[in-house]
Amino acid sequence: MDIKTIDLDKLDPNTQRSAPAVVTTPENINHSMEKKSNLLTVVIFLVVAVAGFYSGASLKARATGKLVGSGELAKIQAEVPVAGVKVGDIYGSPDEKAFNTTATGVLDKGGLNGEGTHKLVRPGGVSQTVYMTSSVIDLDTLVGNQITVWGETFKGQKAGWLMDVGRVKVENLNVPLPK
């Protein structure tokens, strides 16, 4: 038996030459498609996260009745007249039960190391002082008066008692700060 050698460089005239095969290696992967896919995933994640946050905050605000522009809070008298503040005047939310914390004292300007814009000075010393801010009432026009405040307490970094005030009632005018 005779073994025939085949020359692979030489083509048979009856055989068609085909295009060379492309071998895919990790270096040939299209990195731009991979980057676009990762970017799209990140964008979708961020959109879902932001939408979830705002829808949750909106649902919570509606459930607690503290959504500005709806319900009882639409009736807030936030503007305190510069002149003409009288004993018994109420500013902010008309509902005493809308806020869970109350305190009475004399309003003074200034917070504690950046916490609060005002302070409610009460008898008993510094430990009884309430540092306050308000997003609905202009507290500057009530400085020097004895007031009762209704608000929500927050944990302060430096202040022992930090409150966001939502309702104020004027008790007495031009009262000296307690000691």
N, C-alpha and C. Protein backbone atom coordinates (compact mmCIF):
# COMPACT_ATOMS: atom_id res chain seq x y z
N MET A 1 0.82 -1.15 0.00
CA MET A 1 0.00 0.00 0.00
C MET A 1 0.88 1.23 0.00
N ASP A 2 0.44 2.14 -0.79
CA ASP A 2 1.21 3.35 -1.02
C ASP A 2 0.55 4.52 -0.28
N ILE A 3 1.29 5.22 0.57
CA ILE A 3 0.75 6.36 1.32
C ILE A 3 1.04 7.62 0.53
N LYS A 4 -0.02 8.35 0.29
CA LYS A 4 0.07 9.58 -0.46
C LYS A 4 0.26 10.74 0.51
N THR A 5 1.19 11.61 0.22
CA THR A 5 1.38 12.80 1.04
C THR A 5 0.52 13.92 0.47
N ILE A 6 0.00 14.67 1.34
CA ILE A 6 -0.87 15.78 0.92
C ILE A 6 -0.15 17.08 1.24
N ASP A 7 -0.08 17.92 0.26
CA ASP A 7 0.51 19.25 0.45
C ASP A 7 -0.63 20.21 0.77
N LEU A 8 -0.69 20.71 1.97
CA LEU A 8 -1.77 21.58 2.41
C LEU A 8 -1.68 22.97 1.81
N ASP A 9 -0.52 23.37 1.36
CA ASP A 9 -0.38 24.69 0.75
C ASP A 9 -0.89 24.69 -0.68
N LYS A 10 -1.02 23.58 -1.24
CA LYS A 10 -1.45 23.46 -2.62
C LYS A 10 -2.92 23.08 -2.63
N LEU A 11 -3.72 23.79 -3.39
CA LEU A 11 -5.14 23.53 -3.45
C LEU A 11 -5.47 22.64 -4.62
N ASP A 12 -6.47 21.88 -4.37
CA ASP A 12 -7.02 21.08 -5.46
C ASP A 12 -7.82 22.04 -6.33
N PRO A 13 -7.68 22.01 -7.66
CA PRO A 13 -8.40 22.94 -8.51
C PRO A 13 -9.91 22.77 -8.41
N ASN A 14 -10.40 21.67 -7.95
CA ASN A 14 -11.84 21.46 -7.83
C ASN A 14 -12.40 22.00 -6.52
N THR A 15 -11.53 22.42 -5.57
CA THR A 15 -11.97 22.89 -4.26
C THR A 15 -11.95 24.41 -4.24
N GLN A 16 -13.05 25.00 -3.68
CA GLN A 16 -13.14 26.46 -3.55
C GLN A 16 -12.40 26.89 -2.29
N ARG A 17 -11.72 28.01 -2.40
CA ARG A 17 -11.00 28.54 -1.24
C ARG A 17 -11.99 29.32 -0.38
N SER A 18 -12.03 29.05 0.91
CA SER A 18 -12.94 29.76 1.82
C SER A 18 -12.16 30.82 2.58
N ALA A 19 -12.93 31.74 3.15
CA ALA A 19 -12.31 32.83 3.92
C ALA A 19 -11.72 32.24 5.19
N PRO A 20 -10.63 32.81 5.65
CA PRO A 20 -10.02 32.30 6.88
C PRO A 20 -10.97 32.50 8.06
N ALA A 21 -10.98 31.57 8.97
CA ALA A 21 -11.85 31.63 10.15
C ALA A 21 -11.30 32.66 11.13
N VAL A 22 -12.24 33.41 11.76
CA VAL A 22 -11.85 34.40 12.76
C VAL A 22 -11.97 33.74 14.12
N VAL A 23 -10.90 33.77 14.84
CA VAL A 23 -10.87 33.18 16.17
C VAL A 23 -11.09 34.30 17.17
N THR A 24 -12.11 34.14 18.04
CA THR A 24 -12.41 35.16 19.04
C THR A 24 -11.64 34.83 20.30
N THR A 25 -10.87 35.78 20.72
CA THR A 25 -10.14 35.65 21.98
C THR A 25 -10.62 36.75 22.91
N PRO A 26 -10.35 36.68 24.18
CA PRO A 26 -10.81 37.72 25.10
C PRO A 26 -10.35 39.12 24.68
N GLU A 27 -9.26 39.22 23.98
CA GLU A 27 -8.77 40.53 23.56
C GLU A 27 -9.63 41.11 22.45
N ASN A 28 -10.38 40.28 21.74
CA ASN A 28 -11.18 40.75 20.62
C ASN A 28 -12.59 41.15 21.01
N ILE A 29 -12.99 40.97 22.26
CA ILE A 29 -14.34 41.30 22.70
C ILE A 29 -14.52 42.81 22.59
N ASN A 30 -15.68 43.23 22.17
CA ASN A 30 -15.97 44.65 21.99
C ASN A 30 -16.24 45.27 23.37
N HIS A 31 -15.26 46.00 23.88
CA HIS A 31 -15.37 46.59 25.21
C HIS A 31 -16.37 47.73 25.25
N SER A 32 -16.63 48.39 24.16
CA SER A 32 -17.58 49.50 24.18
C SER A 32 -19.00 48.99 24.45
N MET A 33 -19.35 47.82 23.93
CA MET A 33 -20.67 47.25 24.22
C MET A 33 -20.79 46.91 25.70
N GLU A 34 -19.72 46.40 26.27
CA GLU A 34 -19.72 46.04 27.69
C GLU A 34 -19.89 47.30 28.54
N LYS A 35 -19.22 48.39 28.19
CA LYS A 35 -19.31 49.65 28.94
C LYS A 35 -20.71 50.23 28.83
N LYS A 36 -21.31 50.17 27.63
CA LYS A 36 -22.67 50.69 27.44
C LYS A 36 -23.66 49.90 28.28
N SER A 37 -23.49 48.61 28.34
CA SER A 37 -24.37 47.77 29.13
C SER A 37 -24.26 48.11 30.62
N ASN A 38 -23.03 48.29 31.12
CA ASN A 38 -22.82 48.65 32.53
C ASN A 38 -23.40 50.03 32.83
N LEU A 39 -23.22 50.98 31.93
CA LEU A 39 -23.74 52.34 32.12
C LEU A 39 -25.26 52.31 32.17
N LEU A 40 -25.88 51.57 31.27
CA LEU A 40 -27.33 51.46 31.26
C LEU A 40 -27.85 50.85 32.57
N THR A 41 -27.18 49.86 33.08
CA THR A 41 -27.57 49.23 34.34
C THR A 41 -27.49 50.23 35.49
N VAL A 42 -26.44 51.01 35.55
CA VAL A 42 -26.27 52.01 36.60
C VAL A 42 -27.35 53.08 36.51
N VAL A 43 -27.63 53.56 35.30
CA VAL A 43 -28.65 54.61 35.12
C VAL A 43 -30.02 54.09 35.54
N ILE A 44 -30.37 52.89 35.13
CA ILE A 44 -31.66 52.31 35.51
C ILE A 44 -31.75 52.16 37.03
N PHE A 45 -30.68 51.70 37.66
CA PHE A 45 -30.66 51.55 39.12
C PHE A 45 -30.90 52.90 39.80
N LEU A 46 -30.22 53.95 39.35
CA LEU A 46 -30.37 55.27 39.97
C LEU A 46 -31.78 55.82 39.79
N VAL A 47 -32.36 55.65 38.61
CA VAL A 47 -33.72 56.13 38.38
C VAL A 47 -34.71 55.41 39.30
N VAL A 48 -34.58 54.11 39.42
CA VAL A 48 -35.47 53.34 40.29
C VAL A 48 -35.28 53.75 41.75
N ALA A 49 -34.04 53.96 42.18
CA ALA A 49 -33.78 54.35 43.57
C ALA A 49 -34.37 55.72 43.89
N VAL A 50 -34.18 56.69 43.02
CA VAL A 50 -34.71 58.04 43.25
C VAL A 50 -36.23 58.02 43.23
N ALA A 51 -36.82 57.31 42.26
CA ALA A 51 -38.28 57.23 42.20
C ALA A 51 -38.83 56.55 43.45
N GLY A 52 -38.17 55.53 43.93
CA GLY A 52 -38.61 54.85 45.14
C GLY A 52 -38.54 55.74 46.37
N PHE A 53 -37.46 56.51 46.47
CA PHE A 53 -37.30 57.41 47.61
C PHE A 53 -38.42 58.45 47.64
N TYR A 54 -38.64 59.12 46.50
CA TYR A 54 -39.65 60.18 46.47
C TYR A 54 -41.07 59.64 46.60
N SER A 55 -41.36 58.48 46.04
CA SER A 55 -42.70 57.94 46.20
C SER A 55 -42.93 57.51 47.64
N GLY A 56 -41.92 56.95 48.29
CA GLY A 56 -42.04 56.58 49.70
C GLY A 56 -42.21 57.80 50.59
N ALA A 57 -41.45 58.83 50.34
CA ALA A 57 -41.56 60.07 51.13
C ALA A 57 -42.93 60.70 50.95
N SER A 58 -43.43 60.67 49.73
CA SER A 58 -44.75 61.24 49.45
C SER A 58 -45.84 60.45 50.16
N LEU A 59 -45.76 59.12 50.11
CA LEU A 59 -46.75 58.30 50.79
C LEU A 59 -46.72 58.50 52.30
N LYS A 60 -45.52 58.62 52.86
CA LYS A 60 -45.41 58.84 54.30
C LYS A 60 -46.00 60.20 54.68
N ALA A 61 -45.70 61.21 53.88
CA ALA A 61 -46.21 62.55 54.18
C ALA A 61 -47.74 62.58 54.10
N ARG A 62 -48.30 61.88 53.13
CA ARG A 62 -49.76 61.84 53.02
C ARG A 62 -50.37 61.07 54.19
N ALA A 63 -49.71 60.01 54.61
CA ALA A 63 -50.25 59.20 55.71
C ALA A 63 -50.23 59.96 57.02
N THR A 64 -49.22 60.81 57.23
CA THR A 64 -49.12 61.57 58.48
C THR A 64 -49.82 62.91 58.39
N GLY A 65 -50.27 63.30 57.19
CA GLY A 65 -50.97 64.57 57.03
C GLY A 65 -50.06 65.77 57.03
N LYS A 66 -48.77 65.57 56.79
CA LYS A 66 -47.83 66.68 56.84
C LYS A 66 -47.36 67.10 55.46
N LEU A 67 -48.16 66.83 54.44
CA LEU A 67 -47.81 67.21 53.08
C LEU A 67 -48.23 68.65 52.86
N VAL A 68 -47.28 69.54 52.60
CA VAL A 68 -47.57 70.95 52.43
C VAL A 68 -48.46 71.13 51.21
N GLY A 69 -49.51 71.95 51.36
CA GLY A 69 -50.41 72.22 50.25
C GLY A 69 -51.64 71.33 50.27
N SER A 70 -51.76 70.46 51.25
CA SER A 70 -52.94 69.61 51.30
C SER A 70 -53.44 69.53 52.73
N GLY A 71 -54.69 69.25 52.88
CA GLY A 71 -55.28 69.02 54.20
C GLY A 71 -55.16 70.23 55.11
N GLU A 72 -54.90 69.95 56.38
CA GLU A 72 -54.84 71.00 57.39
C GLU A 72 -53.67 71.95 57.18
N LEU A 73 -52.56 71.46 56.65
CA LEU A 73 -51.40 72.33 56.52
C LEU A 73 -51.58 73.38 55.45
N ALA A 74 -52.58 73.24 54.59
CA ALA A 74 -52.85 74.28 53.60
C ALA A 74 -53.38 75.53 54.29
N LYS A 75 -53.87 75.39 55.55
CA LYS A 75 -54.44 76.52 56.29
C LYS A 75 -53.41 77.21 57.18
N ILE A 76 -52.15 76.90 57.05
CA ILE A 76 -51.11 77.46 57.92
C ILE A 76 -50.98 78.96 57.71
N GLN A 77 -50.97 79.69 58.80
CA GLN A 77 -50.68 81.11 58.75
C GLN A 77 -49.22 81.26 59.14
N ALA A 78 -48.34 81.23 58.14
CA ALA A 78 -46.92 81.22 58.42
C ALA A 78 -46.35 82.63 58.55
N GLU A 79 -46.99 83.60 57.94
CA GLU A 79 -46.48 84.96 57.98
C GLU A 79 -46.84 85.61 59.31
N VAL A 80 -45.82 86.00 60.05
CA VAL A 80 -46.02 86.70 61.31
C VAL A 80 -45.87 88.18 61.01
N PRO A 81 -46.90 89.00 61.31
CA PRO A 81 -46.77 90.43 61.03
C PRO A 81 -45.66 91.05 61.88
N VAL A 82 -44.88 91.94 61.26
CA VAL A 82 -43.77 92.58 61.97
C VAL A 82 -44.30 93.41 63.14
N ALA A 83 -45.37 94.13 62.88
CA ALA A 83 -45.99 94.93 63.95
C ALA A 83 -47.37 94.33 64.22
N GLY A 84 -47.77 94.38 65.44
CA GLY A 84 -49.12 93.95 65.75
C GLY A 84 -49.23 92.53 66.28
N VAL A 85 -48.14 91.96 66.77
CA VAL A 85 -48.23 90.65 67.40
C VAL A 85 -48.95 90.85 68.73
N LYS A 86 -49.97 90.03 68.97
CA LYS A 86 -50.77 90.18 70.18
C LYS A 86 -50.76 88.88 70.98
N VAL A 87 -50.99 89.00 72.27
CA VAL A 87 -51.10 87.82 73.13
C VAL A 87 -52.27 86.98 72.63
N GLY A 88 -52.04 85.69 72.50
CA GLY A 88 -53.07 84.77 72.04
C GLY A 88 -53.00 84.46 70.55
N ASP A 89 -52.19 85.23 69.79
CA ASP A 89 -52.04 84.95 68.37
C ASP A 89 -51.40 83.58 68.16
N ILE A 90 -51.89 82.87 67.16
CA ILE A 90 -51.36 81.55 66.82
C ILE A 90 -50.87 81.59 65.38
N TYR A 91 -49.66 81.10 65.17
CA TYR A 91 -49.06 81.05 63.83
C TYR A 91 -48.64 79.61 63.53
N GLY A 92 -48.75 79.23 62.29
CA GLY A 92 -48.39 77.88 61.89
C GLY A 92 -49.61 77.01 61.75
N SER A 93 -49.49 75.76 62.09
CA SER A 93 -50.57 74.79 61.95
C SER A 93 -51.70 75.11 62.92
N PRO A 94 -52.96 75.07 62.46
CA PRO A 94 -54.08 75.31 63.38
C PRO A 94 -54.35 74.12 64.30
N ASP A 95 -53.76 72.99 64.03
CA ASP A 95 -54.02 71.76 64.79
C ASP A 95 -52.91 71.52 65.82
N GLU A 96 -53.27 71.57 67.11
CA GLU A 96 -52.30 71.32 68.18
C GLU A 96 -51.78 69.88 68.14
N LYS A 97 -52.57 68.94 67.66
CA LYS A 97 -52.20 67.53 67.67
C LYS A 97 -51.33 67.14 66.48
N ALA A 98 -51.09 68.07 65.53
CA ALA A 98 -50.27 67.75 64.35
C ALA A 98 -48.81 67.58 64.74
N PHE A 99 -48.41 68.16 65.87
CA PHE A 99 -47.02 68.06 66.31
C PHE A 99 -47.02 67.48 67.73
N ASN A 100 -46.08 66.57 68.00
CA ASN A 100 -46.13 65.80 69.23
C ASN A 100 -45.38 66.40 70.42
N THR A 101 -44.63 67.47 70.24
CA THR A 101 -43.83 68.01 71.34
C THR A 101 -44.16 69.49 71.54
N THR A 102 -44.31 69.91 72.81
CA THR A 102 -44.56 71.32 73.12
C THR A 102 -43.56 71.80 74.16
N ALA A 103 -43.34 73.10 74.14
CA ALA A 103 -42.49 73.73 75.15
C ALA A 103 -42.87 75.20 75.23
N THR A 104 -42.69 75.81 76.41
CA THR A 104 -42.99 77.22 76.62
C THR A 104 -41.76 77.90 77.20
N GLY A 105 -41.46 79.08 76.67
CA GLY A 105 -40.32 79.85 77.14
C GLY A 105 -40.23 81.16 76.38
N VAL A 106 -39.11 81.86 76.55
CA VAL A 106 -38.89 83.14 75.88
C VAL A 106 -37.98 82.90 74.68
N LEU A 107 -38.40 83.40 73.52
CA LEU A 107 -37.66 83.18 72.28
C LEU A 107 -36.49 84.16 72.18
N ASP A 108 -35.33 83.61 71.84
CA ASP A 108 -34.12 84.41 71.65
C ASP A 108 -33.47 83.98 70.34
N LYS A 109 -32.70 84.89 69.75
CA LYS A 109 -32.01 84.58 68.50
C LYS A 109 -30.76 83.75 68.76
N GLY A 110 -30.40 82.93 67.77
CA GLY A 110 -29.15 82.19 67.83
C GLY A 110 -29.33 80.74 68.20
N GLY A 111 -28.60 79.89 67.50
CA GLY A 111 -28.61 78.46 67.79
C GLY A 111 -27.37 78.08 68.57
N LEU A 112 -27.00 76.82 68.49
CA LEU A 112 -25.82 76.31 69.17
C LEU A 112 -24.90 75.67 68.14
N ASN A 113 -23.80 76.34 67.83
CA ASN A 113 -22.81 75.84 66.87
C ASN A 113 -23.44 75.36 65.57
N GLY A 114 -24.32 76.17 65.00
CA GLY A 114 -24.92 75.85 63.71
C GLY A 114 -26.19 75.02 63.79
N GLU A 115 -26.59 74.60 64.97
CA GLU A 115 -27.82 73.84 65.12
C GLU A 115 -28.92 74.77 65.61
N GLY A 116 -29.92 74.97 64.76
CA GLY A 116 -31.03 75.85 65.09
C GLY A 116 -30.71 77.29 64.75
N THR A 117 -31.76 78.06 64.53
CA THR A 117 -31.60 79.48 64.25
C THR A 117 -32.01 80.32 65.45
N HIS A 118 -32.79 79.73 66.35
CA HIS A 118 -33.29 80.41 67.53
C HIS A 118 -33.24 79.45 68.71
N LYS A 119 -33.48 80.02 69.90
CA LYS A 119 -33.55 79.17 71.09
C LYS A 119 -34.70 79.64 71.96
N LEU A 120 -35.30 78.67 72.60
CA LEU A 120 -36.38 78.94 73.54
C LEU A 120 -35.78 78.78 74.93
N VAL A 121 -35.58 79.92 75.61
CA VAL A 121 -34.95 79.91 76.93
C VAL A 121 -36.04 79.66 77.97
N ARG A 122 -35.79 78.65 78.81
CA ARG A 122 -36.77 78.24 79.82
C ARG A 122 -36.13 78.25 81.20
N PRO A 123 -36.92 78.40 82.25
CA PRO A 123 -36.36 78.35 83.60
C PRO A 123 -35.69 77.00 83.84
N GLY A 124 -34.59 77.03 84.59
CA GLY A 124 -33.90 75.79 84.92
C GLY A 124 -32.51 75.70 84.32
N GLY A 125 -32.09 76.70 83.60
CA GLY A 125 -30.73 76.71 83.07
C GLY A 125 -30.62 76.22 81.64
N VAL A 126 -29.36 76.11 81.23
CA VAL A 126 -29.04 75.77 79.84
C VAL A 126 -29.58 74.40 79.45
N SER A 127 -29.66 73.48 80.38
CA SER A 127 -30.14 72.12 80.05
C SER A 127 -31.60 72.11 79.62
N GLN A 128 -32.33 73.17 79.93
CA GLN A 128 -33.75 73.25 79.57
C GLN A 128 -33.99 74.04 78.28
N THR A 129 -32.94 74.56 77.67
CA THR A 129 -33.07 75.38 76.46
C THR A 129 -33.40 74.49 75.25
N VAL A 130 -34.35 74.96 74.45
CA VAL A 130 -34.75 74.26 73.23
C VAL A 130 -34.17 75.04 72.05
N TYR A 131 -33.33 74.40 71.26
CA TYR A 131 -32.80 75.03 70.05
C TYR A 131 -33.75 74.69 68.92
N MET A 132 -34.10 75.71 68.12
CA MET A 132 -35.19 75.55 67.17
C MET A 132 -34.85 76.08 65.78
N THR A 133 -35.59 75.55 64.84
CA THR A 133 -35.64 76.06 63.48
C THR A 133 -37.09 75.87 63.02
N SER A 134 -37.50 76.61 62.01
CA SER A 134 -38.85 76.43 61.48
C SER A 134 -38.83 76.65 59.98
N SER A 135 -39.45 75.73 59.29
CA SER A 135 -39.54 75.86 57.84
C SER A 135 -40.84 76.55 57.43
N VAL A 136 -41.73 76.84 58.39
CA VAL A 136 -43.01 77.46 58.05
C VAL A 136 -43.27 78.78 58.75
N ILE A 137 -42.55 79.10 59.81
CA ILE A 137 -42.82 80.32 60.58
C ILE A 137 -41.57 81.18 60.65
N ASP A 138 -41.74 82.49 60.49
CA ASP A 138 -40.62 83.43 60.63
C ASP A 138 -40.47 83.75 62.11
N LEU A 139 -39.52 83.08 62.75
CA LEU A 139 -39.35 83.23 64.20
C LEU A 139 -38.74 84.57 64.59
N ASP A 140 -38.07 85.24 63.67
CA ASP A 140 -37.40 86.52 64.00
C ASP A 140 -38.37 87.55 64.57
N THR A 141 -39.60 87.58 64.07
CA THR A 141 -40.57 88.59 64.52
C THR A 141 -41.13 88.29 65.90
N LEU A 142 -40.83 87.13 66.46
CA LEU A 142 -41.35 86.76 67.77
C LEU A 142 -40.28 86.80 68.87
N VAL A 143 -39.06 87.20 68.53
CA VAL A 143 -37.96 87.25 69.50
C VAL A 143 -38.31 88.21 70.64
N GLY A 144 -38.04 87.78 71.88
CA GLY A 144 -38.30 88.61 73.06
C GLY A 144 -39.66 88.37 73.68
N ASN A 145 -40.47 87.52 73.06
CA ASN A 145 -41.80 87.23 73.59
C ASN A 145 -41.83 85.83 74.19
N GLN A 146 -42.71 85.65 75.19
CA GLN A 146 -42.92 84.33 75.74
C GLN A 146 -43.91 83.62 74.83
N ILE A 147 -43.51 82.42 74.37
CA ILE A 147 -44.34 81.68 73.42
C ILE A 147 -44.42 80.21 73.82
N THR A 148 -45.44 79.56 73.32
CA THR A 148 -45.54 78.10 73.40
C THR A 148 -45.36 77.59 71.98
N VAL A 149 -44.48 76.60 71.82
CA VAL A 149 -44.22 76.05 70.50
C VAL A 149 -44.66 74.59 70.45
N TRP A 150 -45.11 74.18 69.27
CA TRP A 150 -45.41 72.79 68.98
C TRP A 150 -44.51 72.41 67.82
N GLY A 151 -43.87 71.26 67.92
CA GLY A 151 -42.96 70.87 66.85
C GLY A 151 -42.58 69.41 66.93
N GLU A 152 -41.58 69.10 66.13
CA GLU A 152 -41.06 67.73 66.08
C GLU A 152 -39.60 67.76 66.53
N THR A 153 -39.27 66.92 67.49
CA THR A 153 -37.93 66.88 68.05
C THR A 153 -37.01 66.05 67.17
N PHE A 154 -35.78 66.53 66.99
CA PHE A 154 -34.75 65.83 66.25
C PHE A 154 -33.54 65.67 67.14
N LYS A 155 -32.72 64.67 66.84
CA LYS A 155 -31.49 64.47 67.60
C LYS A 155 -30.45 65.44 67.06
N GLY A 156 -29.92 66.27 67.92
CA GLY A 156 -28.89 67.22 67.54
C GLY A 156 -27.50 66.65 67.80
N GLN A 157 -26.53 67.17 67.07
CA GLN A 157 -25.14 66.75 67.29
C GLN A 157 -24.56 67.45 68.52
N LYS A 158 -24.94 68.73 68.71
CA LYS A 158 -24.40 69.51 69.82
C LYS A 158 -25.48 69.96 70.79
N ALA A 159 -26.68 70.20 70.24
CA ALA A 159 -27.79 70.67 71.06
C ALA A 159 -28.47 69.49 71.75
N GLY A 160 -28.80 69.67 73.01
CA GLY A 160 -29.49 68.62 73.75
C GLY A 160 -30.91 68.44 73.29
N TRP A 161 -31.54 69.53 72.84
CA TRP A 161 -32.92 69.47 72.39
C TRP A 161 -33.02 70.34 71.15
N LEU A 162 -33.32 69.73 70.03
CA LEU A 162 -33.44 70.42 68.74
C LEU A 162 -34.83 70.16 68.19
N MET A 163 -35.54 71.23 67.81
CA MET A 163 -36.93 71.10 67.39
C MET A 163 -37.19 71.87 66.10
N ASP A 164 -38.00 71.26 65.20
CA ASP A 164 -38.53 71.95 64.03
C ASP A 164 -39.93 72.39 64.42
N VAL A 165 -40.14 73.70 64.48
CA VAL A 165 -41.39 74.26 65.00
C VAL A 165 -42.42 74.38 63.87
N GLY A 166 -43.64 73.92 64.16
CA GLY A 166 -44.73 74.00 63.19
C GLY A 166 -45.90 74.83 63.65
N ARG A 167 -45.92 75.22 64.93
CA ARG A 167 -47.02 76.01 65.48
C ARG A 167 -46.49 76.83 66.65
N VAL A 168 -46.94 78.07 66.75
CA VAL A 168 -46.51 78.96 67.83
C VAL A 168 -47.73 79.71 68.36
N LYS A 169 -47.80 79.84 69.67
CA LYS A 169 -48.83 80.67 70.31
C LYS A 169 -48.13 81.70 71.18
N VAL A 170 -48.49 82.97 71.02
CA VAL A 170 -47.89 84.06 71.79
C VAL A 170 -48.59 84.09 73.15
N GLU A 171 -47.77 83.94 74.23
CA GLU A 171 -48.31 83.93 75.61
C GLU A 171 -48.20 85.30 76.26
N ASN A 172 -47.00 85.95 76.18
CA ASN A 172 -46.78 87.28 76.76
C ASN A 172 -45.81 88.04 75.85
N LEU A 173 -45.92 89.37 75.87
CA LEU A 173 -45.05 90.21 75.03
C LEU A 173 -43.91 90.79 75.86
N ASN A 174 -42.76 90.98 75.23
CA ASN A 174 -41.58 91.64 75.81
C ASN A 174 -41.25 91.12 77.22
N VAL A 175 -40.87 89.87 77.28
CA VAL A 175 -40.56 89.21 78.55
C VAL A 175 -39.03 89.04 78.63
N PRO A 176 -38.43 89.35 79.80
CA PRO A 176 -36.97 89.15 79.93
C PRO A 176 -36.65 87.65 79.94
N LEU A 177 -35.42 87.34 79.54
CA LEU A 177 -34.98 85.94 79.50
C LEU A 177 -34.89 85.38 80.92
N PRO A 178 -35.42 84.17 81.14
CA PRO A 178 -35.30 83.56 82.47
C PRO A 178 -33.87 83.13 82.75
N LYS A 179 -33.55 82.97 84.02
CA LYS A 179 -32.20 82.58 84.42
C LYS A 179 -32.14 81.14 84.75
